Amino acid sequence: MEISKELLEVLACPKCKGDLESNTEENKIICYSCHVQYPIKSGIPVMLIDEAKPLS
């Protein structure tokens, strides 16, 4: 499921407050500043630091 551009503009990385990018193919939101990815579950981004996984 795709995240709207408006929502993506409002969201910030909870760890560094940096900009995020959406990867709809893998259902992830990526912070390239922290090198982590946050999951999107049922169309809702899970923006918890504990849920973040390192970029591979």
Foldseek 3Di string as FASTA:
>chain_A
DDDDPVVQVPDAQPVPRHHWDDDVVQQWIADPVVQWIFHQDPNRTDRDPVRIDHHD
